Amino acid sequence: MKFIELKKLSRQDASSLPEVRYVLLGDCATQHLAQALRGQAIACGLHLDLLDTDYDQIRAQITDPGSELYAHNAEGVILAMCTERLYSDYHNTPLSVWCLFSALNTYIRPCL
């Protein structure tokens, strides 16, 4: 489905549909994604109660027990992380910390 169609659907009244509650956290602008998710939910017969948090609030929302993330009492969380930012953060990480990534990967991988 095209974005323009999802955007139109997202404006429909979905209050009579079964509700699902989610939080959208992103380190980039997420307004268009939120519209598309709401539209897709309606297309699937669901009313998406989506809390779209402010820009670049992932860490703040997760680490604060009093944040909107926890107050929303959501069934799940959607993380929208910008690849350009991940790339930049990765390359700005000191080499001494990279070793921790490797050690963590070695520890986690056998558990999967």
N, C-alpha and C. Protein backbone atom coordinates (compact mmCIF):
# COMPACT_ATOMS: atom_id res chain seq x y z
N MET A 1 0.85 -1.17 0.00
CA MET A 1 0.00 0.00 0.00
C MET A 1 0.89 1.24 0.00
N LYS A 2 0.54 2.22 -0.77
CA LYS A 2 1.33 3.45 -0.87
C LYS A 2 1.10 4.34 0.36
N PHE A 3 2.09 5.19 0.64
CA PHE A 3 2.01 6.05 1.81
C PHE A 3 0.78 6.94 1.75
N ILE A 4 0.46 7.48 0.60
CA ILE A 4 -0.69 8.39 0.49
C ILE A 4 -1.98 7.68 0.89
N GLU A 5 -2.09 6.40 0.56
CA GLU A 5 -3.27 5.63 0.95
C GLU A 5 -3.29 5.37 2.46
N LEU A 6 -2.12 5.06 3.02
CA LEU A 6 -2.03 4.85 4.46
C LEU A 6 -2.35 6.14 5.22
N LYS A 7 -1.89 7.26 4.68
CA LYS A 7 -2.15 8.55 5.30
C LYS A 7 -3.65 8.83 5.35
N LYS A 8 -4.35 8.55 4.26
CA LYS A 8 -5.81 8.74 4.22
C LYS A 8 -6.49 7.82 5.23
N LEU A 9 -6.07 6.57 5.27
CA LEU A 9 -6.65 5.62 6.22
C LEU A 9 -6.42 6.07 7.66
N SER A 10 -5.26 6.63 7.94
CA SER A 10 -4.91 7.02 9.31
C SER A 10 -5.83 8.10 9.85
N ARG A 11 -6.53 8.81 8.98
CA ARG A 11 -7.45 9.88 9.39
C ARG A 11 -8.85 9.36 9.72
N GLN A 12 -9.11 8.10 9.40
CA GLN A 12 -10.44 7.54 9.65
C GLN A 12 -10.64 7.28 11.14
N ASP A 13 -11.90 7.30 11.55
CA ASP A 13 -12.24 7.00 12.94
C ASP A 13 -12.12 5.50 13.16
N ALA A 14 -11.24 5.11 14.04
CA ALA A 14 -11.01 3.69 14.31
C ALA A 14 -11.46 3.31 15.72
N SER A 15 -12.21 4.18 16.37
CA SER A 15 -12.58 3.95 17.77
C SER A 15 -13.42 2.69 17.99
N SER A 16 -14.10 2.22 16.96
CA SER A 16 -14.93 1.02 17.12
C SER A 16 -14.13 -0.28 16.91
N LEU A 17 -12.88 -0.15 16.48
CA LEU A 17 -12.04 -1.32 16.21
C LEU A 17 -11.31 -1.76 17.48
N PRO A 18 -10.88 -3.02 17.55
CA PRO A 18 -10.09 -3.48 18.71
C PRO A 18 -8.81 -2.65 18.84
N GLU A 19 -8.48 -2.25 20.06
CA GLU A 19 -7.35 -1.36 20.29
C GLU A 19 -6.08 -2.13 20.63
N VAL A 20 -4.97 -1.66 20.07
CA VAL A 20 -3.63 -2.10 20.45
C VAL A 20 -2.83 -0.86 20.81
N ARG A 21 -1.98 -0.97 21.83
CA ARG A 21 -1.23 0.19 22.32
C ARG A 21 0.27 -0.03 22.10
N TYR A 22 0.89 0.91 21.42
CA TYR A 22 2.32 0.85 21.15
C TYR A 22 2.95 2.21 21.36
N VAL A 23 4.27 2.21 21.52
CA VAL A 23 5.06 3.43 21.62
C VAL A 23 6.06 3.42 20.48
N LEU A 24 6.22 4.57 19.83
CA LEU A 24 7.19 4.73 18.75
C LEU A 24 8.31 5.63 19.25
N LEU A 25 9.50 5.07 19.38
CA LEU A 25 10.68 5.82 19.79
C LEU A 25 11.63 5.91 18.61
N GLY A 26 12.19 7.09 18.38
CA GLY A 26 13.12 7.23 17.27
C GLY A 26 14.20 8.24 17.53
N ASP A 27 15.33 8.06 16.83
CA ASP A 27 16.40 9.05 16.88
C ASP A 27 16.37 9.90 15.61
N CYS A 28 15.22 9.86 14.96
CA CYS A 28 14.98 10.64 13.74
C CYS A 28 13.50 11.03 13.75
N ALA A 29 13.09 11.81 12.77
CA ALA A 29 11.68 12.20 12.68
C ALA A 29 10.82 10.96 12.39
N THR A 30 9.75 10.79 13.15
CA THR A 30 8.93 9.57 13.03
C THR A 30 7.47 9.86 12.67
N GLN A 31 7.14 11.10 12.37
CA GLN A 31 5.74 11.46 12.12
C GLN A 31 5.15 10.70 10.94
N HIS A 32 5.90 10.57 9.85
CA HIS A 32 5.39 9.86 8.68
C HIS A 32 5.23 8.38 8.96
N LEU A 33 6.19 7.81 9.68
CA LEU A 33 6.09 6.41 10.06
C LEU A 33 4.86 6.19 10.94
N ALA A 34 4.61 7.10 11.87
CA ALA A 34 3.44 6.98 12.75
C ALA A 34 2.14 7.00 11.93
N GLN A 35 2.06 7.88 10.96
CA GLN A 35 0.87 7.93 10.09
C GLN A 35 0.70 6.62 9.34
N ALA A 36 1.78 6.12 8.79
CA ALA A 36 1.72 4.87 8.02
C ALA A 36 1.31 3.70 8.92
N LEU A 37 1.84 3.65 10.13
CA LEU A 37 1.49 2.57 11.06
C LEU A 37 0.02 2.64 11.44
N ARG A 38 -0.49 3.85 11.70
CA ARG A 38 -1.91 3.99 12.03
C ARG A 38 -2.79 3.55 10.86
N GLY A 39 -2.41 3.97 9.65
CA GLY A 39 -3.16 3.58 8.46
C GLY A 39 -3.15 2.08 8.24
N GLN A 40 -1.99 1.45 8.41
CA GLN A 40 -1.88 0.00 8.23
C GLN A 40 -2.69 -0.73 9.29
N ALA A 41 -2.69 -0.23 10.50
CA ALA A 41 -3.48 -0.85 11.56
C ALA A 41 -4.97 -0.84 11.20
N ILE A 42 -5.46 0.29 10.70
CA ILE A 42 -6.86 0.38 10.30
C ILE A 42 -7.14 -0.59 9.16
N ALA A 43 -6.22 -0.68 8.21
CA ALA A 43 -6.38 -1.62 7.10
C ALA A 43 -6.46 -3.06 7.61
N CYS A 44 -5.83 -3.33 8.75
CA CYS A 44 -5.86 -4.67 9.35
C CYS A 44 -6.98 -4.83 10.37
N GLY A 45 -7.82 -3.81 10.50
CA GLY A 45 -8.96 -3.89 11.41
C GLY A 45 -8.63 -3.61 12.86
N LEU A 46 -7.60 -2.77 13.09
CA LEU A 46 -7.18 -2.44 14.45
C LEU A 46 -7.15 -0.94 14.67
N HIS A 47 -7.39 -0.54 15.89
CA HIS A 47 -7.23 0.86 16.29
C HIS A 47 -5.89 0.94 17.02
N LEU A 48 -4.92 1.57 16.41
CA LEU A 48 -3.59 1.70 16.98
C LEU A 48 -3.50 2.95 17.84
N ASP A 49 -3.41 2.76 19.14
CA ASP A 49 -3.16 3.85 20.07
C ASP A 49 -1.64 3.97 20.15
N LEU A 50 -1.09 4.86 19.36
CA LEU A 50 0.36 4.99 19.20
C LEU A 50 0.87 6.26 19.84
N LEU A 51 1.75 6.12 20.80
CA LEU A 51 2.42 7.27 21.40
C LEU A 51 3.68 7.52 20.58
N ASP A 52 3.70 8.62 19.85
CA ASP A 52 4.85 9.02 19.04
C ASP A 52 5.63 10.05 19.84
N THR A 53 6.74 9.63 20.43
CA THR A 53 7.51 10.51 21.33
C THR A 53 8.30 11.55 20.54
N ASP A 54 8.86 12.49 21.27
CA ASP A 54 9.66 13.55 20.66
C ASP A 54 10.93 12.99 20.02
N TYR A 55 11.49 13.78 19.14
CA TYR A 55 12.71 13.45 18.41
C TYR A 55 13.85 13.11 19.35
N ASP A 56 14.57 12.04 19.06
CA ASP A 56 15.80 11.64 19.75
C ASP A 56 15.60 11.43 21.25
N GLN A 57 14.55 10.73 21.62
CA GLN A 57 14.24 10.51 23.04
C GLN A 57 14.36 9.04 23.46
N ILE A 58 15.01 8.21 22.66
CA ILE A 58 15.08 6.78 22.97
C ILE A 58 15.68 6.56 24.36
N ARG A 59 16.88 7.04 24.56
CA ARG A 59 17.57 6.81 25.84
C ARG A 59 16.80 7.44 27.00
N ALA A 60 16.33 8.66 26.83
CA ALA A 60 15.62 9.36 27.91
C ALA A 60 14.34 8.62 28.29
N GLN A 61 13.60 8.14 27.31
CA GLN A 61 12.34 7.43 27.59
C GLN A 61 12.59 6.09 28.27
N ILE A 62 13.62 5.38 27.82
CA ILE A 62 13.89 4.04 28.37
C ILE A 62 14.44 4.11 29.78
N THR A 63 15.29 5.08 30.06
CA THR A 63 15.97 5.14 31.35
C THR A 63 15.17 5.84 32.44
N ASP A 64 14.09 6.53 32.10
CA ASP A 64 13.28 7.25 33.09
C ASP A 64 12.00 6.46 33.39
N PRO A 65 11.90 5.85 34.57
CA PRO A 65 10.70 5.08 34.90
C PRO A 65 9.43 5.92 34.93
N GLY A 66 9.55 7.22 35.00
CA GLY A 66 8.39 8.11 35.01
C GLY A 66 8.07 8.69 33.65
N SER A 67 8.72 8.17 32.60
CA SER A 67 8.54 8.73 31.25
C SER A 67 7.20 8.31 30.63
N GLU A 68 6.89 8.93 29.50
CA GLU A 68 5.68 8.62 28.74
C GLU A 68 5.67 7.15 28.30
N LEU A 69 6.84 6.61 28.03
CA LEU A 69 6.95 5.22 27.60
C LEU A 69 6.27 4.30 28.61
N TYR A 70 6.58 4.45 29.87
CA TYR A 70 6.03 3.59 30.90
C TYR A 70 4.60 3.98 31.27
N ALA A 71 4.29 5.26 31.21
CA ALA A 71 2.94 5.73 31.54
C ALA A 71 1.92 5.28 30.50
N HIS A 72 2.35 5.07 29.27
CA HIS A 72 1.43 4.69 28.19
C HIS A 72 0.93 3.25 28.34
N ASN A 73 1.62 2.45 29.13
CA ASN A 73 1.22 1.05 29.35
C ASN A 73 1.01 0.31 28.03
N ALA A 74 2.00 0.39 27.18
CA ALA A 74 1.92 -0.17 25.83
C ALA A 74 2.16 -1.67 25.81
N GLU A 75 1.65 -2.30 24.77
CA GLU A 75 1.88 -3.73 24.54
C GLU A 75 3.26 -3.96 23.92
N GLY A 76 3.80 -2.93 23.28
CA GLY A 76 5.10 -3.06 22.65
C GLY A 76 5.69 -1.72 22.30
N VAL A 77 6.95 -1.77 21.91
CA VAL A 77 7.70 -0.56 21.54
C VAL A 77 8.29 -0.76 20.16
N ILE A 78 8.18 0.25 19.32
CA ILE A 78 8.77 0.23 17.99
C ILE A 78 9.94 1.21 18.02
N LEU A 79 11.12 0.73 17.69
CA LEU A 79 12.31 1.59 17.64
C LEU A 79 12.60 1.94 16.19
N ALA A 80 12.68 3.21 15.90
CA ALA A 80 13.05 3.69 14.56
C ALA A 80 14.42 4.36 14.69
N MET A 81 15.43 3.62 14.29
CA MET A 81 16.80 4.12 14.43
C MET A 81 17.37 4.41 13.05
N CYS A 82 17.83 5.63 12.87
CA CYS A 82 18.37 6.09 11.59
C CYS A 82 19.73 5.44 11.33
N THR A 83 19.87 4.80 10.18
CA THR A 83 21.13 4.11 9.87
C THR A 83 22.32 5.06 9.81
N GLU A 84 22.10 6.27 9.31
CA GLU A 84 23.20 7.23 9.25
C GLU A 84 23.71 7.55 10.65
N ARG A 85 22.79 7.64 11.59
CA ARG A 85 23.17 7.96 12.96
C ARG A 85 23.89 6.77 13.59
N LEU A 86 23.39 5.56 13.36
CA LEU A 86 24.07 4.37 13.87
C LEU A 86 25.50 4.30 13.36
N TYR A 87 25.66 4.56 12.06
CA TYR A 87 26.98 4.53 11.44
C TYR A 87 27.91 5.55 12.09
N SER A 88 27.39 6.76 12.27
CA SER A 88 28.17 7.83 12.88
C SER A 88 28.54 7.49 14.32
N ASP A 89 27.56 7.02 15.10
CA ASP A 89 27.82 6.66 16.49
C ASP A 89 28.84 5.54 16.59
N TYR A 90 28.73 4.57 15.70
CA TYR A 90 29.66 3.44 15.71
C TYR A 90 31.09 3.91 15.45
N HIS A 91 31.26 4.78 14.47
CA HIS A 91 32.61 5.25 14.13
C HIS A 91 33.14 6.28 15.11
N ASN A 92 32.27 6.87 15.91
CA ASN A 92 32.72 7.80 16.93
C ASN A 92 32.96 7.10 18.27
N THR A 93 32.74 5.79 18.31
CA THR A 93 32.98 5.01 19.51
C THR A 93 34.47 4.71 19.63
N PRO A 94 35.06 4.93 20.79
CA PRO A 94 36.49 4.64 20.97
C PRO A 94 36.79 3.17 20.72
N LEU A 95 37.95 2.90 20.19
CA LEU A 95 38.36 1.54 19.87
C LEU A 95 38.31 0.63 21.09
N SER A 96 38.59 1.17 22.27
CA SER A 96 38.58 0.35 23.49
C SER A 96 37.18 -0.20 23.78
N VAL A 97 36.14 0.50 23.36
CA VAL A 97 34.77 0.04 23.57
C VAL A 97 34.37 -0.99 22.53
N TRP A 98 34.96 -0.93 21.34
CA TRP A 98 34.66 -1.91 20.30
C TRP A 98 34.90 -3.32 20.79
N CYS A 99 35.91 -3.51 21.62
CA CYS A 99 36.21 -4.84 22.16
C CYS A 99 35.04 -5.37 22.97
N LEU A 100 34.31 -4.47 23.63
CA LEU A 100 33.13 -4.89 24.39
C LEU A 100 32.05 -5.43 23.46
N PHE A 101 31.89 -4.82 22.27
CA PHE A 101 30.92 -5.31 21.30
C PHE A 101 31.25 -6.74 20.92
N SER A 102 32.53 -7.00 20.68
CA SER A 102 32.97 -8.33 20.28
C SER A 102 32.73 -9.33 21.40
N ALA A 103 33.06 -8.96 22.62
CA ALA A 103 32.88 -9.86 23.77
C ALA A 103 31.41 -10.14 24.00
N LEU A 104 30.57 -9.13 23.88
CA LEU A 104 29.14 -9.30 24.06
C LEU A 104 28.56 -10.20 22.99
N ASN A 105 29.00 -10.02 21.75
CA ASN A 105 28.53 -10.86 20.65
C ASN A 105 28.90 -12.32 20.88
N THR A 106 30.11 -12.56 21.37
CA THR A 106 30.57 -13.93 21.65
C THR A 106 29.72 -14.55 22.75
N TYR A 107 29.32 -13.74 23.73
CA TYR A 107 28.52 -14.24 24.84
C TYR A 107 27.08 -14.53 24.42
N ILE A 108 26.49 -13.64 23.65
CA ILE A 108 25.08 -13.74 23.27
C ILE A 108 24.84 -14.77 22.17
N ARG A 109 25.70 -14.81 21.18
CA ARG A 109 25.45 -15.66 20.00
C ARG A 109 25.13 -17.12 20.35
N PRO A 110 25.87 -17.78 21.27
CA PRO A 110 25.52 -19.18 21.58
C PRO A 110 24.12 -19.33 22.19
N CYS A 111 23.58 -18.26 22.77
CA CYS A 111 22.26 -18.34 23.39
C CYS A 111 21.13 -18.27 22.37
N LEU A 112 21.42 -17.83 21.16
CA LEU A 112 20.36 -17.63 20.17
C LEU A 112 19.93 -18.91 19.51
